[in-house]
Amino acid sequence: MPAVVGDSCDGCGVCVDECPMGAIELEDKAVVDPEICTECGSCIDVCPNEAITME
């Protein structure tokens, strides 16, 4: 499951735009909804700050 790494996320929203399932919302930082996420990894690939990792 993708997880946002604390201070690395600056809330740019690139992952929100890239997620094909709409599983990411911004609340100052990106938050992944595990009920919707299919673990495709596209958010990890596009994050310019490498703030999202796979748990």
PDB file of N, CA and C in Angstrom:
ATOM      1  N   MET A   1       0.842  -1.176   0.000  1.00  0.00           N
ATOM      2  CA  MET A   1       0.000   0.000   0.000  1.00  0.00           C
ATOM      3  C   MET A   1       0.891   1.245   0.000  1.00  0.00           C
ATOM      4  N   PRO A   2       0.663   2.167  -0.908  1.00  0.00           N
ATOM      5  CA  PRO A   2       1.439   3.414  -0.906  1.00  0.00           C
ATOM      6  C   PRO A   2       1.198   4.212   0.371  1.00  0.00           C
ATOM      7  N   ALA A   3       2.251   4.795   0.895  1.00  0.00           N
ATOM      8  CA  ALA A   3       2.154   5.622   2.089  1.00  0.00           C
ATOM      9  C   ALA A   3       2.958   6.891   1.878  1.00  0.00           C
ATOM     10  N   VAL A   4       2.465   8.004   2.390  1.00  0.00           N
ATOM     11  CA  VAL A   4       3.151   9.284   2.270  1.00  0.00           C
ATOM     12  C   VAL A   4       4.136   9.405   3.415  1.00  0.00           C
ATOM     13  N   VAL A   5       5.378   9.774   3.069  1.00  0.00           N
ATOM     14  CA  VAL A   5       6.427   9.943   4.060  1.00  0.00           C
ATOM     15  C   VAL A   5       6.352  11.371   4.592  1.00  0.00           C
ATOM     16  N   GLY A   6       6.011  11.497   5.849  1.00  0.00           N
ATOM     17  CA  GLY A   6       5.820  12.745   6.578  1.00  0.00           C
ATOM     18  C   GLY A   6       6.217  14.050   5.932  1.00  0.00           C
ATOM     19  N   ASP A   7       7.378  14.564   6.256  1.00  0.00           N
ATOM     20  CA  ASP A   7       7.788  15.903   5.865  1.00  0.00           C
ATOM     21  C   ASP A   7       8.204  16.020   4.410  1.00  0.00           C
ATOM     22  N   SER A   8       8.368  14.920   3.707  1.00  0.00           N
ATOM     23  CA  SER A   8       8.796  14.983   2.309  1.00  0.00           C
ATOM     24  C   SER A   8       7.708  15.525   1.392  1.00  0.00           C
ATOM     25  N   CYS A   9       6.448  15.318   1.742  1.00  0.00           N
ATOM     26  CA  CYS A   9       5.332  15.773   0.908  1.00  0.00           C
ATOM     27  C   CYS A   9       5.125  17.272   1.107  1.00  0.00           C
ATOM     28  N   ASP A  10       5.121  18.017  -0.020  1.00  0.00           N
ATOM     29  CA  ASP A  10       4.881  19.456   0.064  1.00  0.00           C
ATOM     30  C   ASP A  10       3.486  19.839  -0.432  1.00  0.00           C
ATOM     31  N   GLY A  11       2.647  18.838  -0.696  1.00  0.00           N
ATOM     32  CA  GLY A  11       1.279  19.103  -1.106  1.00  0.00           C
ATOM     33  C   GLY A  11       1.127  19.612  -2.517  1.00  0.00           C
ATOM     34  N   CYS A  12       2.034  19.244  -3.405  1.00  0.00           N
ATOM     35  CA  CYS A  12       2.014  19.754  -4.781  1.00  0.00           C
ATOM     36  C   CYS A  12       0.818  19.253  -5.590  1.00  0.00           C
ATOM     37  N   GLY A  13       0.296  18.052  -5.264  1.00  0.00           N
ATOM     38  CA  GLY A  13      -0.878  17.524  -5.930  1.00  0.00           C
ATOM     39  C   GLY A  13      -0.633  16.729  -7.198  1.00  0.00           C
ATOM     40  N   VAL A  14       0.611  16.527  -7.569  1.00  0.00           N
ATOM     41  CA  VAL A  14       0.915  15.747  -8.777  1.00  0.00           C
ATOM     42  C   VAL A  14       0.355  14.338  -8.660  1.00  0.00           C
ATOM     43  N   CYS A  15       0.487  13.733  -7.498  1.00  0.00           N
ATOM     44  CA  CYS A  15      -0.014  12.367  -7.290  1.00  0.00           C
ATOM     45  C   CYS A  15      -1.543  12.312  -7.383  1.00  0.00           C
ATOM     46  N   VAL A  16      -2.201  13.351  -6.912  1.00  0.00           N
ATOM     47  CA  VAL A  16      -3.663  13.410  -6.977  1.00  0.00           C
ATOM     48  C   VAL A  16      -4.117  13.379  -8.432  1.00  0.00           C
ATOM     49  N   ASP A  17      -3.446  14.177  -9.267  1.00  0.00           N
ATOM     50  CA  ASP A  17      -3.784  14.241 -10.690  1.00  0.00           C
ATOM     51  C   ASP A  17      -3.475  12.935 -11.413  1.00  0.00           C
ATOM     52  N   GLU A  18      -2.448  12.225 -10.973  1.00  0.00           N
ATOM     53  CA  GLU A  18      -1.986  11.014 -11.654  1.00  0.00           C
ATOM     54  C   GLU A  18      -2.763   9.764 -11.258  1.00  0.00           C
ATOM     55  N   CYS A  19      -3.323   9.714 -10.065  1.00  0.00           N
ATOM     56  CA  CYS A  19      -3.979   8.505  -9.575  1.00  0.00           C
ATOM     57  C   CYS A  19      -5.206   8.167 -10.427  1.00  0.00           C
ATOM     58  N   PRO A  20      -5.191   7.005 -11.094  1.00  0.00           N
ATOM     59  CA  PRO A  20      -6.307   6.642 -11.962  1.00  0.00           C
ATOM     60  C   PRO A  20      -7.576   6.261 -11.190  1.00  0.00           C
ATOM     61  N   MET A  21      -7.444   5.976  -9.909  1.00  0.00           N
ATOM     62  CA  MET A  21      -8.583   5.560  -9.096  1.00  0.00           C
ATOM     63  C   MET A  21      -9.166   6.699  -8.257  1.00  0.00           C
ATOM     64  N   GLY A  22      -8.477   7.827  -8.211  1.00  0.00           N
ATOM     65  CA  GLY A  22      -8.942   8.927  -7.372  1.00  0.00           C
ATOM     66  C   GLY A  22      -8.808   8.621  -5.894  1.00  0.00           C
ATOM     67  N   ALA A  23      -7.776   7.865  -5.553  1.00  0.00           N
ATOM     68  CA  ALA A  23      -7.595   7.396  -4.177  1.00  0.00           C
ATOM     69  C   ALA A  23      -6.756   8.326  -3.312  1.00  0.00           C
ATOM     70  N   ILE A  24      -6.326   9.467  -3.865  1.00  0.00           N
ATOM     71  CA  ILE A  24      -5.469  10.374  -3.107  1.00  0.00           C
ATOM     72  C   ILE A  24      -6.151  11.732  -2.995  1.00  0.00           C
ATOM     73  N   GLU A  25      -6.157  12.265  -1.781  1.00  0.00           N
ATOM     74  CA  GLU A  25      -6.687  13.599  -1.518  1.00  0.00           C
ATOM     75  C   GLU A  25      -5.601  14.421  -0.846  1.00  0.00           C
ATOM     76  N   LEU A  26      -5.702  15.738  -0.978  1.00  0.00           N
ATOM     77  CA  LEU A  26      -4.766  16.618  -0.285  1.00  0.00           C
ATOM     78  C   LEU A  26      -5.414  17.166   0.976  1.00  0.00           C
ATOM     79  N   GLU A  27      -4.739  17.001   2.078  1.00  0.00           N
ATOM     80  CA  GLU A  27      -5.108  17.588   3.364  1.00  0.00           C
ATOM     81  C   GLU A  27      -3.827  18.182   3.928  1.00  0.00           C
ATOM     82  N   ASP A  28      -3.357  19.261   3.348  1.00  0.00           N
ATOM     83  CA  ASP A  28      -2.016  19.831   3.557  1.00  0.00           C
ATOM     84  C   ASP A  28      -0.966  18.924   2.915  1.00  0.00           C
ATOM     85  N   LYS A  29      -1.102  17.630   3.105  1.00  0.00           N
ATOM     86  CA  LYS A  29      -0.239  16.631   2.483  1.00  0.00           C
ATOM     87  C   LYS A  29      -1.127  15.573   1.840  1.00  0.00           C
ATOM     88  N   ALA A  30      -0.556  14.777   0.980  1.00  0.00           N
ATOM     89  CA  ALA A  30      -1.311  13.730   0.298  1.00  0.00           C
ATOM     90  C   ALA A  30      -1.727  12.645   1.285  1.00  0.00           C
ATOM     91  N   VAL A  31      -2.963  12.162   1.119  1.00  0.00           N
ATOM     92  CA  VAL A  31      -3.491  11.079   1.947  1.00  0.00           C
ATOM     93  C   VAL A  31      -4.068  10.026   1.009  1.00  0.00           C
ATOM     94  N   VAL A  32      -3.585   8.786   1.139  1.00  0.00           N
ATOM     95  CA  VAL A  32      -4.035   7.684   0.293  1.00  0.00           C
ATOM     96  C   VAL A  32      -5.160   6.931   0.988  1.00  0.00           C
ATOM     97  N   ASP A  33      -6.271   6.743   0.276  1.00  0.00           N
ATOM     98  CA  ASP A  33      -7.406   5.994   0.812  1.00  0.00           C
ATOM     99  C   ASP A  33      -7.206   4.506   0.488  1.00  0.00           C
ATOM    100  N   PRO A  34      -6.944   3.681   1.501  1.00  0.00           N
ATOM    101  CA  PRO A  34      -6.665   2.258   1.259  1.00  0.00           C
ATOM    102  C   PRO A  34      -7.872   1.485   0.721  1.00  0.00           C
ATOM    103  N   GLU A  35      -9.069   2.013   0.899  1.00  0.00           N
ATOM    104  CA  GLU A  35     -10.273   1.349   0.401  1.00  0.00           C
ATOM    105  C   GLU A  35     -10.393   1.469  -1.122  1.00  0.00           C
ATOM    106  N   ILE A  36      -9.782   2.503  -1.688  1.00  0.00           N
ATOM    107  CA  ILE A  36      -9.893   2.769  -3.126  1.00  0.00           C
ATOM    108  C   ILE A  36      -8.615   2.390  -3.877  1.00  0.00           C
ATOM    109  N   CYS A  37      -7.468   2.536  -3.228  1.00  0.00           N
ATOM    110  CA  CYS A  37      -6.159   2.310  -3.862  1.00  0.00           C
ATOM    111  C   CYS A  37      -6.018   0.869  -4.357  1.00  0.00           C
ATOM    112  N   THR A  38      -5.521   0.732  -5.594  1.00  0.00           N
ATOM    113  CA  THR A  38      -5.276  -0.595  -6.177  1.00  0.00           C
ATOM    114  C   THR A  38      -3.788  -0.940  -6.190  1.00  0.00           C
ATOM    115  N   GLU A  39      -2.970  -0.115  -5.554  1.00  0.00           N
ATOM    116  CA  GLU A  39      -1.524  -0.326  -5.439  1.00  0.00           C
ATOM    117  C   GLU A  39      -0.824  -0.378  -6.794  1.00  0.00           C
ATOM    118  N   CYS A  40      -1.265   0.464  -7.735  1.00  0.00           N
ATOM    119  CA  CYS A  40      -0.657   0.470  -9.071  1.00  0.00           C
ATOM    120  C   CYS A  40       0.728   1.119  -9.077  1.00  0.00           C
ATOM    121  N   GLY A  41       0.994   2.008  -8.117  1.00  0.00           N
ATOM    122  CA  GLY A  41       2.304   2.635  -8.017  1.00  0.00           C
ATOM    123  C   GLY A  41       2.502   3.871  -8.858  1.00  0.00           C
ATOM    124  N   SER A  42       1.496   4.322  -9.579  1.00  0.00           N
ATOM    125  CA  SER A  42       1.689   5.494 -10.440  1.00  0.00           C
ATOM    126  C   SER A  42       1.983   6.748  -9.616  1.00  0.00           C
ATOM    127  N   CYS A  43       1.455   6.845  -8.414  1.00  0.00           N
ATOM    128  CA  CYS A  43       1.740   7.995  -7.557  1.00  0.00           C
ATOM    129  C   CYS A  43       3.214   8.034  -7.149  1.00  0.00           C
ATOM    130  N   ILE A  44       3.765   6.858  -6.914  1.00  0.00           N
ATOM    131  CA  ILE A  44       5.177   6.770  -6.529  1.00  0.00           C
ATOM    132  C   ILE A  44       6.065   7.243  -7.670  1.00  0.00           C
ATOM    133  N   ASP A  45       5.726   6.849  -8.884  1.00  0.00           N
ATOM    134  CA  ASP A  45       6.530   7.197 -10.055  1.00  0.00           C
ATOM    135  C   ASP A  45       6.548   8.686 -10.350  1.00  0.00           C
ATOM    136  N   VAL A  46       5.460   9.414 -10.048  1.00  0.00           N
ATOM    137  CA  VAL A  46       5.381  10.825 -10.426  1.00  0.00           C
ATOM    138  C   VAL A  46       5.737  11.802  -9.314  1.00  0.00           C
ATOM    139  N   CYS A  47       5.860  11.343  -8.090  1.00  0.00           N
ATOM    140  CA  CYS A  47       6.135  12.261  -6.981  1.00  0.00           C
ATOM    141  C   CYS A  47       7.520  12.899  -7.134  1.00  0.00           C
ATOM    142  N   PRO A  48       7.566  14.236  -7.275  1.00  0.00           N
ATOM    143  CA  PRO A  48       8.855  14.896  -7.465  1.00  0.00           C
ATOM    144  C   PRO A  48       9.713  14.922  -6.208  1.00  0.00           C
ATOM    145  N   ASN A  49       9.121  14.648  -5.058  1.00  0.00           N
ATOM    146  CA  ASN A  49       9.862  14.677  -3.787  1.00  0.00           C
ATOM    147  C   ASN A  49      10.148  13.295  -3.223  1.00  0.00           C
ATOM    148  N   GLU A  50       9.780  12.258  -3.968  1.00  0.00           N
ATOM    149  CA  GLU A  50       9.928  10.878  -3.501  1.00  0.00           C
ATOM    150  C   GLU A  50       9.306  10.716  -2.111  1.00  0.00           C
ATOM    151  N   ALA A  51       8.117  11.338  -1.935  1.00  0.00           N
ATOM    152  CA  ALA A  51       7.446  11.336  -0.644  1.00  0.00           C
ATOM    153  C   ALA A  51       6.492  10.168  -0.472  1.00  0.00           C
ATOM    154  N   ILE A  52       6.302   9.373  -1.521  1.00  0.00           N
ATOM    155  CA  ILE A  52       5.392   8.237  -1.420  1.00  0.00           C
ATOM    156  C   ILE A  52       6.191   6.951  -1.605  1.00  0.00           C
ATOM    157  N   THR A  53       6.000   6.030  -0.679  1.00  0.00           N
ATOM    158  CA  THR A  53       6.679   4.744  -0.750  1.00  0.00           C
ATOM    159  C   THR A  53       5.658   3.627  -0.649  1.00  0.00           C
ATOM    160  N   MET A  54       6.047   2.442  -1.023  1.00  0.00           N
ATOM    161  CA  MET A  54       5.167   1.277  -0.922  1.00  0.00           C
ATOM    162  C   MET A  54       5.459   0.586   0.397  1.00  0.00           C
ATOM    163  N   GLU A  55       4.422   0.429   1.218  1.00  0.00           N
ATOM    164  CA  GLU A  55       4.594  -0.257   2.507  1.00  0.00           C
ATOM    165  C   GLU A  55       4.402  -1.745   2.335  1.00  0.00           C
TER     166      GLU A  55
END
